Each structure stands twice: as structure tokens, then as C-alpha cells.
C-alpha atoms as a PDB file:
ATOM      1  CA  UNK A   1       6.087 -35.539   0.136  1.00  0.00           C
ATOM      2  CA  UNK A   2       6.581 -32.445   2.261  1.00  0.00           C
ATOM      3  CA  UNK A   3       6.967 -29.330   0.195  1.00  0.00           C
ATOM      4  CA  UNK A   4      10.320 -27.549   0.449  1.00  0.00           C
ATOM      5  CA  UNK A   5       8.905 -24.396  -1.142  1.00  0.00           C
ATOM      6  CA  UNK A   6       5.515 -22.772  -1.365  1.00  0.00           C
ATOM      7  CA  UNK A   7       4.228 -23.290  -4.943  1.00  0.00           C
ATOM      8  CA  UNK A   8       3.109 -19.646  -5.186  1.00  0.00           C
ATOM      9  CA  UNK A   9       6.651 -18.463  -4.333  1.00  0.00           C
ATOM     10  CA  UNK A  10       8.034 -20.959  -6.840  1.00  0.00           C
ATOM     11  CA  UNK A  11       5.703 -19.585  -9.546  1.00  0.00           C
ATOM     12  CA  UNK A  12       6.587 -15.958  -8.733  1.00  0.00           C
ATOM     13  CA  UNK A  13      10.326 -16.707  -8.977  1.00  0.00           C
ATOM     14  CA  UNK A  14       9.811 -18.711 -12.180  1.00  0.00           C
ATOM     15  CA  UNK A  15       7.892 -15.802 -13.760  1.00  0.00           C
ATOM     16  CA  UNK A  16      10.561 -13.317 -12.647  1.00  0.00           C
ATOM     17  CA  UNK A  17      13.354 -15.384 -14.225  1.00  0.00           C
ATOM     18  CA  UNK A  18      11.410 -15.789 -17.480  1.00  0.00           C
ATOM     19  CA  UNK A  19      10.618 -12.067 -17.751  1.00  0.00           C
ATOM     20  CA  UNK A  20      13.891 -10.564 -16.474  1.00  0.00           C
ATOM     21  CA  UNK A  21      16.426 -13.294 -17.232  1.00  0.00           C
ATOM     22  CA  UNK A  22      18.495 -14.164 -20.257  1.00  0.00           C
ATOM     23  CA  UNK A  23      17.441 -16.961 -22.554  1.00  0.00           C
ATOM     24  CA  UNK A  24      19.741 -19.985 -22.611  1.00  0.00           C
ATOM     25  CA  UNK A  25      19.761 -23.442 -24.159  1.00  0.00           C
ATOM     26  CA  UNK A  26      17.930 -24.903 -21.163  1.00  0.00           C
ATOM     27  CA  UNK A  27      15.355 -22.157 -20.589  1.00  0.00           C
ATOM     28  CA  UNK A  28      15.994 -18.818 -18.881  1.00  0.00           C
ATOM     29  CA  UNK A  29      18.768 -17.808 -16.498  1.00  0.00           C
ATOM     30  CA  UNK A  30      18.869 -15.135 -13.800  1.00  0.00           C
ATOM     31  CA  UNK A  31      21.446 -14.750 -11.013  1.00  0.00           C
ATOM     32  CA  UNK A  32      22.541 -18.371 -10.912  1.00  0.00           C
ATOM     33  CA  UNK A  33      19.099 -19.974 -11.235  1.00  0.00           C
ATOM     34  CA  UNK A  34      17.667 -21.562 -14.380  1.00  0.00           C
ATOM     35  CA  UNK A  35      13.948 -21.718 -15.111  1.00  0.00           C
ATOM     36  CA  UNK A  36      12.645 -24.281 -17.573  1.00  0.00           C
ATOM     37  CA  UNK A  37       9.183 -25.504 -18.381  1.00  0.00           C
ATOM     38  CA  UNK A  38       6.846 -27.223 -20.758  1.00  0.00           C
ATOM     39  CA  UNK A  39       3.798 -25.036 -21.027  1.00  0.00           C
ATOM     40  CA  UNK A  40       2.419 -23.822 -17.725  1.00  0.00           C
ATOM     41  CA  UNK A  41       1.965 -27.255 -16.149  1.00  0.00           C
ATOM     42  CA  UNK A  42       5.528 -28.585 -15.886  1.00  0.00           C
ATOM     43  CA  UNK A  43       7.887 -26.004 -14.357  1.00  0.00           C
ATOM     44  CA  UNK A  44      11.398 -26.372 -12.999  1.00  0.00           C
ATOM     45  CA  UNK A  45      13.942 -24.258 -11.141  1.00  0.00           C
ATOM     46  CA  UNK A  46      17.518 -25.508 -11.008  1.00  0.00           C
ATOM     47  CA  UNK A  47      21.180 -24.698 -10.664  1.00  0.00           C
ATOM     48  CA  UNK A  48      24.273 -26.881 -11.000  1.00  0.00           C
ATOM     49  CA  UNK A  49      23.550 -28.876  -7.837  1.00  0.00           C
ATOM     50  CA  UNK A  50      19.811 -28.621  -7.179  1.00  0.00           C
ATOM     51  CA  UNK A  51      16.461 -28.968  -8.888  1.00  0.00           C
ATOM     52  CA  UNK A  52      12.826 -28.427  -7.920  1.00  0.00           C
ATOM     53  CA  UNK A  53      10.069 -29.605 -10.257  1.00  0.00           C
ATOM     54  CA  UNK A  54       6.434 -28.501 -10.028  1.00  0.00           C
ATOM     55  CA  UNK A  55       3.573 -30.103 -11.951  1.00  0.00           C
ATOM     56  CA  UNK A  56       0.081 -28.612 -11.874  1.00  0.00           C
ATOM     57  CA  UNK A  57       0.991 -26.333  -8.948  1.00  0.00           C
ATOM     58  CA  UNK A  58       2.423 -29.050  -6.689  1.00  0.00           C
ATOM     59  CA  UNK A  59       6.056 -29.860  -5.918  1.00  0.00           C
ATOM     60  CA  UNK A  60       6.562 -33.368  -7.318  1.00  0.00           C
ATOM     61  CA  UNK A  61      10.341 -33.759  -7.283  1.00  0.00           C
ATOM     62  CA  UNK A  62      13.340 -32.264  -5.546  1.00  0.00           C
ATOM     63  CA  UNK A  63      16.978 -33.112  -6.112  1.00  0.00           C
ATOM     64  CA  UNK A  64      19.786 -31.739  -3.981  1.00  0.00           C
ATOM     65  CA  UNK A  65      23.374 -33.005  -4.017  1.00  0.00           C
ATOM     66  CA  UNK A  66      23.619 -32.448  -0.238  1.00  0.00           C
ATOM     67  CA  UNK A  67      22.061 -30.361   2.539  1.00  0.00           C
ATOM     68  CA  UNK A  68      24.509 -27.500   2.070  1.00  0.00           C
ATOM     69  CA  UNK A  69      23.552 -27.157  -1.606  1.00  0.00           C
ATOM     70  CA  UNK A  70      19.878 -27.402  -0.654  1.00  0.00           C
ATOM     71  CA  UNK A  71      20.192 -24.439   1.711  1.00  0.00           C
ATOM     72  CA  UNK A  72      22.213 -22.413  -0.813  1.00  0.00           C
ATOM     73  CA  UNK A  73      19.709 -23.039  -3.593  1.00  0.00           C
ATOM     74  CA  UNK A  74      16.677 -22.217  -1.476  1.00  0.00           C
ATOM     75  CA  UNK A  75      18.425 -19.012  -0.337  1.00  0.00           C
ATOM     76  CA  UNK A  76      18.983 -18.030  -3.988  1.00  0.00           C
ATOM     77  CA  UNK A  77      15.290 -18.616  -4.677  1.00  0.00           C
ATOM     78  CA  UNK A  78      14.291 -16.636  -1.570  1.00  0.00           C
ATOM     79  CA  UNK A  79      16.534 -13.730  -2.563  1.00  0.00           C
ATOM     80  CA  UNK A  80      15.073 -13.673  -6.067  1.00  0.00           C
ATOM     81  CA  UNK A  81      11.590 -13.642  -4.567  1.00  0.00           C
ATOM     82  CA  UNK A  82      12.444 -10.811  -2.164  1.00  0.00           C
ATOM     83  CA  UNK A  83      14.468  -8.849  -4.712  1.00  0.00           C
ATOM     84  CA  UNK A  84      17.711  -9.080  -2.719  1.00  0.00           C
ATOM     85  CA  UNK A  85      21.169  -9.102  -4.274  1.00  0.00           C
ATOM     86  CA  UNK A  86      22.703 -12.566  -4.653  1.00  0.00           C
ATOM     87  CA  UNK A  87      26.414 -12.898  -3.981  1.00  0.00           C
ATOM     88  CA  UNK A  88      28.203 -15.605  -5.951  1.00  0.00           C
END
């Protein structure tokens, strides 16, 4: 499976959401992106329409409702990584 995101960027965004975000019932939440995980091996970033799952540092599953939502979600992740403001 071709990776849609670099695992090191994924991990950096995951860590940022966990440290700066608000805790919710499904993990942590920051600027429209949820971060959930089981230990350090099974990590997940998601929003209402998209999900990326990483196991042991490799992207193992991606779910996007359509290409438009895929682009929007990956832009949210990119903006979190770069520290840019996300418009809703």
C-alpha cells in the first residue's frame, strides 16, 4: 500500500494533538482532528470523514469518504504539522 503520509509527520502531529489538545471520549482533539491510540504501537488520526491508522510506524489503513474529504483531511494534518491556522 502506498503511504498517503510520512509516518514521522503522522507521529509529530499525533504527539502535538495529545500534548496540546483537549481530551475527549475517543482520545484527544485539536482543531478538528482526533488522535487515538493503544500504547505507542497502534495510533490513529481521524475526523468525521477520514481516518489514518499506523501500526509499528507504518501506515496500515486509510479510510476516506471521497477524494475531496481526503484532501481536506490531509490539509488539516499538514497545517497542524506546520503550525498554520486551520479555518473551519
